[in-house]
Amino acid sequence: MQALIRVIKVLLLIAVTSLPVWQLAYAAETSSSEMAQTETVNINTATAEQLSGMLTGIGEKRAAAIVAYREANGPFSSLEQLLEVKGVGEKVMEQNRDKMTLK
């Protein structure tokens, strides 16, 4: 009986001391995923590589078209102006609206 109580105490001690480690691991994981979700790209300064890497539905060709449009017409004055770029439609805009900035 004494041995059983000792085993239970050891198991409880292990459970209690490992809990903070799991909480820290979860907190670190949550923080990095939240940071990834809030990362934005400036469409007026980003390279084609940055645009294609950060925006959903924007591959190399669309990203190059965005940069070419910007170089030909100057900086974007609104996010909606992206709709003037060939290949960028409402769906792409909605998927990326929170990821893009003008500043």
PDB file of N, CA and C in Angstrom:
ATOM      1  N   MET A   1       0.824  -1.192   0.000  1.00  0.00           N
ATOM      2  CA  MET A   1       0.000   0.000   0.000  1.00  0.00           C
ATOM      3  C   MET A   1       0.866   1.253   0.000  1.00  0.00           C
ATOM      4  N   GLN A   2       1.924   1.225   0.812  1.00  0.00           N
ATOM      5  CA  GLN A   2       2.851   2.348   0.904  1.00  0.00           C
ATOM      6  C   GLN A   2       3.502   2.608  -0.458  1.00  0.00           C
ATOM      7  N   ALA A   3       3.842   1.547  -1.175  1.00  0.00           N
ATOM      8  CA  ALA A   3       4.474   1.680  -2.490  1.00  0.00           C
ATOM      9  C   ALA A   3       3.505   2.312  -3.482  1.00  0.00           C
ATOM     10  N   LEU A   4       2.242   1.943  -3.412  1.00  0.00           N
ATOM     11  CA  LEU A   4       1.228   2.508  -4.307  1.00  0.00           C
ATOM     12  C   LEU A   4       1.063   4.002  -4.061  1.00  0.00           C
ATOM     13  N   ILE A   5       1.043   4.405  -2.810  1.00  0.00           N
ATOM     14  CA  ILE A   5       0.923   5.826  -2.468  1.00  0.00           C
ATOM     15  C   ILE A   5       2.140   6.593  -2.985  1.00  0.00           C
ATOM     16  N   ARG A   6       3.311   5.989  -2.853  1.00  0.00           N
ATOM     17  CA  ARG A   6       4.537   6.622  -3.330  1.00  0.00           C
ATOM     18  C   ARG A   6       4.493   6.796  -4.858  1.00  0.00           C
ATOM     19  N   VAL A   7       4.028   5.799  -5.572  1.00  0.00           N
ATOM     20  CA  VAL A   7       3.917   5.866  -7.037  1.00  0.00           C
ATOM     21  C   VAL A   7       2.928   6.955  -7.437  1.00  0.00           C
ATOM     22  N   ILE A   8       1.813   7.034  -6.750  1.00  0.00           N
ATOM     23  CA  ILE A   8       0.809   8.063  -7.048  1.00  0.00           C
ATOM     24  C   ILE A   8       1.390   9.453  -6.807  1.00  0.00           C
ATOM     25  N   LYS A   9       2.131   9.623  -5.726  1.00  0.00           N
ATOM     26  CA  LYS A   9       2.753  10.915  -5.431  1.00  0.00           C
ATOM     27  C   LYS A   9       3.739  11.309  -6.536  1.00  0.00           C
ATOM     28  N   VAL A  10       4.536  10.353  -6.981  1.00  0.00           N
ATOM     29  CA  VAL A  10       5.515  10.631  -8.039  1.00  0.00           C
ATOM     30  C   VAL A  10       4.797  11.016  -9.329  1.00  0.00           C
ATOM     31  N   LEU A  11       3.746  10.296  -9.674  1.00  0.00           N
ATOM     32  CA  LEU A  11       2.992  10.607 -10.889  1.00  0.00           C
ATOM     33  C   LEU A  11       2.342  11.986 -10.803  1.00  0.00           C
ATOM     34  N   LEU A  12       1.795  12.325  -9.652  1.00  0.00           N
ATOM     35  CA  LEU A  12       1.212  13.656  -9.465  1.00  0.00           C
ATOM     36  C   LEU A  12       2.274  14.742  -9.575  1.00  0.00           C
ATOM     37  N   LEU A  13       3.435  14.502  -9.000  1.00  0.00           N
ATOM     38  CA  LEU A  13       4.526  15.469  -9.072  1.00  0.00           C
ATOM     39  C   LEU A  13       4.956  15.688 -10.525  1.00  0.00           C
ATOM     40  N   ILE A  14       5.072  14.619 -11.273  1.00  0.00           N
ATOM     41  CA  ILE A  14       5.439  14.730 -12.690  1.00  0.00           C
ATOM     42  C   ILE A  14       4.372  15.503 -13.456  1.00  0.00           C
ATOM     43  N   ALA A  15       3.120  15.190 -13.216  1.00  0.00           N
ATOM     44  CA  ALA A  15       2.028  15.872 -13.920  1.00  0.00           C
ATOM     45  C   ALA A  15       2.005  17.362 -13.604  1.00  0.00           C
ATOM     46  N   VAL A  16       2.173  17.709 -12.351  1.00  0.00           N
ATOM     47  CA  VAL A  16       2.114  19.113 -11.935  1.00  0.00           C
ATOM     48  C   VAL A  16       3.315  19.895 -12.456  1.00  0.00           C
ATOM     49  N   THR A  17       4.498  19.304 -12.432  1.00  0.00           N
ATOM     50  CA  THR A  17       5.690  20.037 -12.879  1.00  0.00           C
ATOM     51  C   THR A  17       5.785  20.132 -14.398  1.00  0.00           C
ATOM     52  N   SER A  18       5.176  19.229 -15.130  1.00  0.00           N
ATOM     53  CA  SER A  18       5.250  19.305 -16.596  1.00  0.00           C
ATOM     54  C   SER A  18       4.178  20.218 -17.180  1.00  0.00           C
ATOM     55  N   LEU A  19       3.165  20.562 -16.424  1.00  0.00           N
ATOM     56  CA  LEU A  19       2.088  21.424 -16.918  1.00  0.00           C
ATOM     57  C   LEU A  19       2.593  22.781 -17.401  1.00  0.00           C
ATOM     58  N   PRO A  20       3.433  23.488 -16.648  1.00  0.00           N
ATOM     59  CA  PRO A  20       3.926  24.789 -17.138  1.00  0.00           C
ATOM     60  C   PRO A  20       4.701  24.678 -18.452  1.00  0.00           C
ATOM     61  N   VAL A  21       5.424  23.584 -18.642  1.00  0.00           N
ATOM     62  CA  VAL A  21       6.174  23.393 -19.888  1.00  0.00           C
ATOM     63  C   VAL A  21       5.213  23.296 -21.064  1.00  0.00           C
ATOM     64  N   TRP A  22       4.133  22.555 -20.920  1.00  0.00           N
ATOM     65  CA  TRP A  22       3.144  22.432 -21.993  1.00  0.00           C
ATOM     66  C   TRP A  22       2.472  23.769 -22.260  1.00  0.00           C
ATOM     67  N   GLN A  23       2.204  24.524 -21.204  1.00  0.00           N
ATOM     68  CA  GLN A  23       1.578  25.836 -21.380  1.00  0.00           C
ATOM     69  C   GLN A  23       2.504  26.779 -22.134  1.00  0.00           C
ATOM     70  N   LEU A  24       3.789  26.765 -21.818  1.00  0.00           N
ATOM     71  CA  LEU A  24       4.749  27.614 -22.517  1.00  0.00           C
ATOM     72  C   LEU A  24       4.862  27.222 -23.983  1.00  0.00           C
ATOM     73  N   ALA A  25       4.886  25.930 -24.250  1.00  0.00           N
ATOM     74  CA  ALA A  25       4.974  25.471 -25.635  1.00  0.00           C
ATOM     75  C   ALA A  25       3.744  25.908 -26.418  1.00  0.00           C
ATOM     76  N   TYR A  26       2.574  25.788 -25.815  1.00  0.00           N
ATOM     77  CA  TYR A  26       1.338  26.209 -26.480  1.00  0.00           C
ATOM     78  C   TYR A  26       1.331  27.715 -26.705  1.00  0.00           C
ATOM     79  N   ALA A  27       1.776  28.487 -25.711  1.00  0.00           N
ATOM     80  CA  ALA A  27       1.805  29.947 -25.839  1.00  0.00           C
ATOM     81  C   ALA A  27       2.748  30.374 -26.957  1.00  0.00           C
ATOM     82  N   ALA A  28       3.898  29.742 -27.062  1.00  0.00           N
ATOM     83  CA  ALA A  28       4.849  30.083 -28.122  1.00  0.00           C
ATOM     84  C   ALA A  28       4.267  29.751 -29.486  1.00  0.00           C
ATOM     85  N   GLU A  29       3.597  28.613 -29.583  1.00  0.00           N
ATOM     86  CA  GLU A  29       2.972  28.206 -30.847  1.00  0.00           C
ATOM     87  C   GLU A  29       1.869  29.178 -31.233  1.00  0.00           C
ATOM     88  N   THR A  30       1.052  29.582 -30.294  1.00  0.00           N
ATOM     89  CA  THR A  30      -0.042  30.510 -30.551  1.00  0.00           C
ATOM     90  C   THR A  30       0.492  31.867 -30.978  1.00  0.00           C
ATOM     91  N   SER A  31       1.518  32.352 -30.306  1.00  0.00           N
ATOM     92  CA  SER A  31       2.081  33.664 -30.638  1.00  0.00           C
ATOM     93  C   SER A  31       2.634  33.686 -32.050  1.00  0.00           C
ATOM     94  N   SER A  32       3.337  32.633 -32.461  1.00  0.00           N
ATOM     95  CA  SER A  32       3.912  32.627 -33.802  1.00  0.00           C
ATOM     96  C   SER A  32       2.829  32.519 -34.859  1.00  0.00           C
ATOM     97  N   SER A  33       1.756  31.782 -34.602  1.00  0.00           N
ATOM     98  CA  SER A  33       0.686  31.693 -35.591  1.00  0.00           C
ATOM     99  C   SER A  33      -0.092  32.998 -35.670  1.00  0.00           C
ATOM    100  N   GLU A  34      -0.250  33.695 -34.541  1.00  0.00           N
ATOM    101  CA  GLU A  34      -0.921  34.995 -34.568  1.00  0.00           C
ATOM    102  C   GLU A  34      -0.081  36.012 -35.319  1.00  0.00           C
ATOM    103  N   MET A  35       1.242  35.972 -35.156  1.00  0.00           N
ATOM    104  CA  MET A  35       2.107  36.900 -35.875  1.00  0.00           C
ATOM    105  C   MET A  35       2.027  36.639 -37.367  1.00  0.00           C
ATOM    106  N   ALA A  36       1.979  35.373 -37.762  1.00  0.00           N
ATOM    107  CA  ALA A  36       1.892  35.054 -39.182  1.00  0.00           C
ATOM    108  C   ALA A  36       0.589  35.572 -39.770  1.00  0.00           C
ATOM    109  N   GLN A  37      -0.473  35.533 -38.993  1.00  0.00           N
ATOM    110  CA  GLN A  37      -1.762  35.988 -39.485  1.00  0.00           C
ATOM    111  C   GLN A  37      -1.821  37.499 -39.627  1.00  0.00           C
ATOM    112  N   THR A  38      -1.031  38.230 -38.857  1.00  0.00           N
ATOM    113  CA  THR A  38      -1.108  39.683 -38.893  1.00  0.00           C
ATOM    114  C   THR A  38      -0.026  40.304 -39.768  1.00  0.00           C
ATOM    115  N   GLU A  39       0.807  39.503 -40.401  1.00  0.00           N
ATOM    116  CA  GLU A  39       1.863  40.009 -41.255  1.00  0.00           C
ATOM    117  C   GLU A  39       1.259  40.619 -42.515  1.00  0.00           C
ATOM    118  N   THR A  40       1.738  41.805 -42.888  1.00  0.00           N
ATOM    119  CA  THR A  40       1.203  42.485 -44.065  1.00  0.00           C
ATOM    120  C   THR A  40       2.318  42.786 -45.059  1.00  0.00           C
ATOM    121  N   VAL A  41       1.902  43.074 -46.284  1.00  0.00           N
ATOM    122  CA  VAL A  41       2.840  43.431 -47.337  1.00  0.00           C
ATOM    123  C   VAL A  41       2.408  44.773 -47.929  1.00  0.00           C
ATOM    124  N   ASN A  42       3.360  45.659 -48.112  1.00  0.00           N
ATOM    125  CA  ASN A  42       3.090  46.966 -48.702  1.00  0.00           C
ATOM    126  C   ASN A  42       3.098  46.796 -50.216  1.00  0.00           C
ATOM    127  N   ILE A  43       1.950  46.934 -50.845  1.00  0.00           N
ATOM    128  CA  ILE A  43       1.865  46.703 -52.290  1.00  0.00           C
ATOM    129  C   ILE A  43       2.546  47.805 -53.096  1.00  0.00           C
ATOM    130  N   ASN A  44       2.894  48.904 -52.458  1.00  0.00           N
ATOM    131  CA  ASN A  44       3.589  49.984 -53.157  1.00  0.00           C
ATOM    132  C   ASN A  44       5.109  49.842 -53.135  1.00  0.00           C
ATOM    133  N   THR A  45       5.622  48.956 -52.307  1.00  0.00           N
ATOM    134  CA  THR A  45       7.077  48.801 -52.219  1.00  0.00           C
ATOM    135  C   THR A  45       7.545  47.359 -52.377  1.00  0.00           C
ATOM    136  N   ALA A  46       6.647  46.401 -52.308  1.00  0.00           N
ATOM    137  CA  ALA A  46       7.022  44.988 -52.337  1.00  0.00           C
ATOM    138  C   ALA A  46       7.527  44.561 -53.709  1.00  0.00           C
ATOM    139  N   THR A  47       8.446  43.628 -53.689  1.00  0.00           N
ATOM    140  CA  THR A  47       8.919  43.021 -54.930  1.00  0.00           C
ATOM    141  C   THR A  47       7.903  41.973 -55.375  1.00  0.00           C
ATOM    142  N   ALA A  48       8.030  41.527 -56.608  1.00  0.00           N
ATOM    143  CA  ALA A  48       7.139  40.477 -57.110  1.00  0.00           C
ATOM    144  C   ALA A  48       7.284  39.215 -56.266  1.00  0.00           C
ATOM    145  N   GLU A  49       8.497  38.919 -55.849  1.00  0.00           N
ATOM    146  CA  GLU A  49       8.740  37.734 -55.024  1.00  0.00           C
ATOM    147  C   GLU A  49       8.022  37.844 -53.680  1.00  0.00           C
ATOM    148  N   GLN A  50       8.074  39.015 -53.071  1.00  0.00           N
ATOM    149  CA  GLN A  50       7.386  39.217 -51.793  1.00  0.00           C
ATOM    150  C   GLN A  50       5.876  39.096 -51.966  1.00  0.00           C
ATOM    151  N   LEU A  51       5.346  39.672 -53.025  1.00  0.00           N
ATOM    152  CA  LEU A  51       3.898  39.606 -53.268  1.00  0.00           C
ATOM    153  C   LEU A  51       3.446  38.167 -53.462  1.00  0.00           C
ATOM    154  N   SER A  52       4.159  37.423 -54.297  1.00  0.00           N
ATOM    155  CA  SER A  52       3.747  36.042 -54.559  1.00  0.00           C
ATOM    156  C   SER A  52       3.934  35.155 -53.335  1.00  0.00           C
ATOM    157  N   GLY A  53       4.892  35.497 -52.490  1.00  0.00           N
ATOM    158  CA  GLY A  53       5.132  34.693 -51.297  1.00  0.00           C
ATOM    159  C   GLY A  53       4.152  34.938 -50.168  1.00  0.00           C
ATOM    160  N   MET A  54       3.540  36.111 -50.147  1.00  0.00           N
ATOM    161  CA  MET A  54       2.690  36.467 -49.009  1.00  0.00           C
ATOM    162  C   MET A  54       1.202  36.516 -49.319  1.00  0.00           C
ATOM    163  N   LEU A  55       0.843  36.612 -50.588  1.00  0.00           N
ATOM    164  CA  LEU A  55      -0.567  36.782 -50.930  1.00  0.00           C
ATOM    165  C   LEU A  55      -1.151  35.517 -51.548  1.00  0.00           C
ATOM    166  N   THR A  56      -2.324  35.149 -51.096  1.00  0.00           N
ATOM    167  CA  THR A  56      -3.026  33.975 -51.592  1.00  0.00           C
ATOM    168  C   THR A  56      -3.537  34.236 -53.005  1.00  0.00           C
ATOM    169  N   GLY A  57      -3.291  33.290 -53.911  1.00  0.00           N
ATOM    170  CA  GLY A  57      -3.790  33.421 -55.276  1.00  0.00           C
ATOM    171  C   GLY A  57      -2.944  34.318 -56.159  1.00  0.00           C
ATOM    172  N   ILE A  58      -1.826  34.797 -55.631  1.00  0.00           N
ATOM    173  CA  ILE A  58      -0.914  35.641 -56.402  1.00  0.00           C
ATOM    174  C   ILE A  58       0.359  34.840 -56.652  1.00  0.00           C
ATOM    175  N   GLY A  59       0.491  34.382 -57.890  1.00  0.00           N
ATOM    176  CA  GLY A  59       1.702  33.670 -58.277  1.00  0.00           C
ATOM    177  C   GLY A  59       2.705  34.642 -58.871  1.00  0.00           C
ATOM    178  N   GLU A  60       3.725  34.088 -59.489  1.00  0.00           N
ATOM    179  CA  GLU A  60       4.792  34.918 -60.047  1.00  0.00           C
ATOM    180  C   GLU A  60       4.277  35.858 -61.139  1.00  0.00           C
ATOM    181  N   LYS A  61       3.409  35.357 -62.023  1.00  0.00           N
ATOM    182  CA  LYS A  61       2.917  36.186 -63.137  1.00  0.00           C
ATOM    183  C   LYS A  61       2.050  37.340 -62.646  1.00  0.00           C
ATOM    184  N   ARG A  62       1.126  37.063 -61.748  1.00  0.00           N
ATOM    185  CA  ARG A  62       0.273  38.139 -61.218  1.00  0.00           C
ATOM    186  C   ARG A  62       1.097  39.143 -60.419  1.00  0.00           C
ATOM    187  N   ALA A  63       2.035  38.643 -59.656  1.00  0.00           N
ATOM    188  CA  ALA A  63       2.890  39.538 -58.875  1.00  0.00           C
ATOM    189  C   ALA A  63       3.699  40.445 -59.803  1.00  0.00           C
ATOM    190  N   ALA A  64       4.219  39.882 -60.885  1.00  0.00           N
ATOM    191  CA  ALA A  64       4.967  40.687 -61.856  1.00  0.00           C
ATOM    192  C   ALA A  64       4.053  41.718 -62.507  1.00  0.00           C
ATOM    193  N   ALA A  65       2.793  41.336 -62.759  1.00  0.00           N
ATOM    194  CA  ALA A  65       1.829  42.273 -63.348  1.00  0.00           C
ATOM    195  C   ALA A  65       1.522  43.417 -62.382  1.00  0.00           C
ATOM    196  N   ILE A  66       1.441  43.120 -61.096  1.00  0.00           N
ATOM    197  CA  ILE A  66       1.193  44.160 -60.088  1.00  0.00           C
ATOM    198  C   ILE A  66       2.360  45.148 -60.063  1.00  0.00           C
ATOM    199  N   VAL A  67       3.576  44.629 -60.056  1.00  0.00           N
ATOM    200  CA  VAL A  67       4.761  45.491 -60.032  1.00  0.00           C
ATOM    201  C   VAL A  67       4.837  46.314 -61.317  1.00  0.00           C
ATOM    202  N   ALA A  68       4.557  45.698 -62.470  1.00  0.00           N
ATOM    203  CA  ALA A  68       4.592  46.422 -63.747  1.00  0.00           C
ATOM    204  C   ALA A  68       3.549  47.535 -63.766  1.00  0.00           C
ATOM    205  N   TYR A  69       2.351  47.247 -63.261  1.00  0.00           N
ATOM    206  CA  TYR A  69       1.295  48.266 -63.196  1.00  0.00           C
ATOM    207  C   TYR A  69       1.741  49.427 -62.312  1.00  0.00           C
ATOM    208  N   ARG A  70       2.319  49.095 -61.178  1.00  0.00           N
ATOM    209  CA  ARG A  70       2.780  50.124 -60.238  1.00  0.00           C
ATOM    210  C   ARG A  70       3.879  50.982 -60.861  1.00  0.00           C
ATOM    211  N   GLU A  71       4.789  50.351 -61.580  1.00  0.00           N
ATOM    212  CA  GLU A  71       5.876  51.097 -62.219  1.00  0.00           C
ATOM    213  C   GLU A  71       5.354  51.999 -63.337  1.00  0.00           C
ATOM    214  N   ALA A  72       4.321  51.556 -64.041  1.00  0.00           N
ATOM    215  CA  ALA A  72       3.761  52.335 -65.149  1.00  0.00           C
ATOM    216  C   ALA A  72       2.835  53.453 -64.674  1.00  0.00           C
ATOM    217  N   ASN A  73       2.123  53.229 -63.570  1.00  0.00           N
ATOM    218  CA  ASN A  73       1.087  54.166 -63.125  1.00  0.00           C
ATOM    219  C   ASN A  73       1.372  54.872 -61.807  1.00  0.00           C
ATOM    220  N   GLY A  74       2.464  54.554 -61.179  1.00  0.00           N
ATOM    221  CA  GLY A  74       2.771  55.139 -59.880  1.00  0.00           C
ATOM    222  C   GLY A  74       2.174  54.312 -58.759  1.00  0.00           C
ATOM    223  N   PRO A  75       2.397  54.738 -57.527  1.00  0.00           N
ATOM    224  CA  PRO A  75       1.920  53.975 -56.368  1.00  0.00           C
ATOM    225  C   PRO A  75       0.397  53.824 -56.363  1.00  0.00           C
ATOM    226  N   PHE A  76      -0.049  52.725 -55.801  1.00  0.00           N
ATOM    227  CA  PHE A  76      -1.485  52.499 -55.645  1.00  0.00           C
ATOM    228  C   PHE A  76      -2.021  53.487 -54.620  1.00  0.00           C
ATOM    229  N   SER A  77      -3.147  54.103 -54.931  1.00  0.00           N
ATOM    230  CA  SER A  77      -3.759  55.044 -53.989  1.00  0.00           C
ATOM    231  C   SER A  77      -4.826  54.364 -53.138  1.00  0.00           C
ATOM    232  N   SER A  78      -5.267  53.182 -53.562  1.00  0.00           N
ATOM    233  CA  SER A  78      -6.238  52.398 -52.788  1.00  0.00           C
ATOM    234  C   SER A  78      -6.033  50.927 -53.113  1.00  0.00           C
ATOM    235  N   LEU A  79      -6.465  50.069 -52.220  1.00  0.00           N
ATOM    236  CA  LEU A  79      -6.370  48.633 -52.475  1.00  0.00           C
ATOM    237  C   LEU A  79      -7.233  48.233 -53.663  1.00  0.00           C
ATOM    238  N   GLU A  80      -8.376  48.900 -53.818  1.00  0.00           N
ATOM    239  CA  GLU A  80      -9.296  48.579 -54.907  1.00  0.00           C
ATOM    240  C   GLU A  80      -8.667  48.822 -56.275  1.00  0.00           C
ATOM    241  N   GLN A  81      -7.675  49.683 -56.335  1.00  0.00           N
ATOM    242  CA  GLN A  81      -6.991  49.958 -57.596  1.00  0.00           C
ATOM    243  C   GLN A  81      -6.312  48.695 -58.133  1.00  0.00           C
ATOM    244  N   LEU A  82      -6.025  47.746 -57.272  1.00  0.00           N
ATOM    245  CA  LEU A  82      -5.445  46.469 -57.704  1.00  0.00           C
ATOM    246  C   LEU A  82      -6.356  45.737 -58.684  1.00  0.00           C
ATOM    247  N   LEU A  83      -7.651  46.004 -58.614  1.00  0.00           N
ATOM    248  CA  LEU A  83      -8.597  45.350 -59.518  1.00  0.00           C
ATOM    249  C   LEU A  83      -8.336  45.725 -60.977  1.00  0.00           C
ATOM    250  N   GLU A  84      -7.589  46.790 -61.207  1.00  0.00           N
ATOM    251  CA  GLU A  84      -7.246  47.202 -62.565  1.00  0.00           C
ATOM    252  C   GLU A  84      -6.120  46.354 -63.151  1.00  0.00           C
ATOM    253  N   VAL A  85      -5.448  45.590 -62.314  1.00  0.00           N
ATOM    254  CA  VAL A  85      -4.359  44.725 -62.770  1.00  0.00           C
ATOM    255  C   VAL A  85      -4.957  43.435 -63.324  1.00  0.00           C
ATOM    256  N   LYS A  86      -4.526  43.057 -64.526  1.00  0.00           N
ATOM    257  CA  LYS A  86      -5.035  41.839 -65.159  1.00  0.00           C
ATOM    258  C   LYS A  86      -4.759  40.630 -64.263  1.00  0.00           C
ATOM    259  N   GLY A  87      -5.799  39.851 -64.031  1.00  0.00           N
ATOM    260  CA  GLY A  87      -5.667  38.646 -63.222  1.00  0.00           C
ATOM    261  C   GLY A  87      -6.018  38.830 -61.756  1.00  0.00           C
ATOM    262  N   VAL A  88      -6.232  40.062 -61.342  1.00  0.00           N
ATOM    263  CA  VAL A  88      -6.611  40.314 -59.946  1.00  0.00           C
ATOM    264  C   VAL A  88      -8.095  40.647 -59.922  1.00  0.00           C
ATOM    265  N   GLY A  89      -8.868  39.779 -59.294  1.00  0.00           N
ATOM    266  CA  GLY A  89     -10.313  39.982 -59.212  1.00  0.00           C
ATOM    267  C   GLY A  89     -10.782  40.099 -57.774  1.00  0.00           C
ATOM    268  N   GLU A  90     -12.095  40.145 -57.633  1.00  0.00           N
ATOM    269  CA  GLU A  90     -12.705  40.300 -56.302  1.00  0.00           C
ATOM    270  C   GLU A  90     -12.303  39.179 -55.348  1.00  0.00           C
ATOM    271  N   LYS A  91     -12.240  37.957 -55.861  1.00  0.00           N
ATOM    272  CA  LYS A  91     -11.907  36.816 -55.000  1.00  0.00           C
ATOM    273  C   LYS A  91     -10.507  36.981 -54.401  1.00  0.00           C
ATOM    274  N   VAL A  92      -9.558  37.340 -55.241  1.00  0.00           N
ATOM    275  CA  VAL A  92      -8.187  37.547 -54.769  1.00  0.00           C
ATOM    276  C   VAL A  92      -8.141  38.701 -53.770  1.00  0.00           C
ATOM    277  N   MET A  93      -8.888  39.748 -54.060  1.00  0.00           N
ATOM    278  CA  MET A  93      -8.923  40.901 -53.149  1.00  0.00           C
ATOM    279  C   MET A  93      -9.452  40.498 -51.777  1.00  0.00           C
ATOM    280  N   GLU A  94     -10.545  39.753 -51.750  1.00  0.00           N
ATOM    281  CA  GLU A  94     -11.141  39.350 -50.472  1.00  0.00           C
ATOM    282  C   GLU A  94     -10.219  38.425 -49.689  1.00  0.00           C
ATOM    283  N   GLN A  95      -9.515  37.551 -50.394  1.00  0.00           N
ATOM    284  CA  GLN A  95      -8.600  36.625 -49.719  1.00  0.00           C
ATOM    285  C   GLN A  95      -7.416  37.344 -49.084  1.00  0.00           C
ATOM    286  N   ASN A  96      -7.071  38.511 -49.614  1.00  0.00           N
ATOM    287  CA  ASN A  96      -5.840  39.179 -49.197  1.00  0.00           C
ATOM    288  C   ASN A  96      -6.015  40.554 -48.571  1.00  0.00           C
ATOM    289  N   ARG A  97      -7.213  41.034 -48.475  1.00  0.00           N
ATOM    290  CA  ARG A  97      -7.444  42.405 -48.005  1.00  0.00           C
ATOM    291  C   ARG A  97      -6.721  42.702 -46.682  1.00  0.00           C
ATOM    292  N   ASP A  98      -6.748  41.770 -45.745  1.00  0.00           N
ATOM    293  CA  ASP A  98      -6.121  41.994 -44.436  1.00  0.00           C
ATOM    294  C   ASP A  98      -4.599  41.852 -44.474  1.00  0.00           C
ATOM    295  N   LYS A  99      -4.072  41.333 -45.562  1.00  0.00           N
ATOM    296  CA  LYS A  99      -2.630  41.117 -45.672  1.00  0.00           C
ATOM    297  C   LYS A  99      -1.927  42.262 -46.394  1.00  0.00           C
ATOM    298  N   MET A 100      -2.696  43.179 -46.980  1.00  0.00           N
ATOM    299  CA  MET A 100      -2.106  44.236 -47.803  1.00  0.00           C
ATOM    300  C   MET A 100      -2.213  45.602 -47.138  1.00  0.00           C
ATOM    301  N   THR A 101      -1.218  46.420 -47.415  1.00  0.00           N
ATOM    302  CA  THR A 101      -1.220  47.793 -46.928  1.00  0.00           C
ATOM    303  C   THR A 101      -0.640  48.697 -48.010  1.00  0.00           C
ATOM    304  N   LEU A 102      -0.915  49.977 -47.897  1.00  0.00           N
ATOM    305  CA  LEU A 102      -0.382  50.958 -48.841  1.00  0.00           C
ATOM    306  C   LEU A 102       0.792  51.725 -48.248  1.00  0.00           C
ATOM    307  N   LYS A 103       1.023  51.562 -46.954  1.00  0.00           N
ATOM    308  CA  LYS A 103       2.089  52.301 -46.255  1.00  0.00           C
ATOM    309  C   LYS A 103       3.132  51.365 -45.732  1.00  0.00           C
TER     310      LYS A 103
END
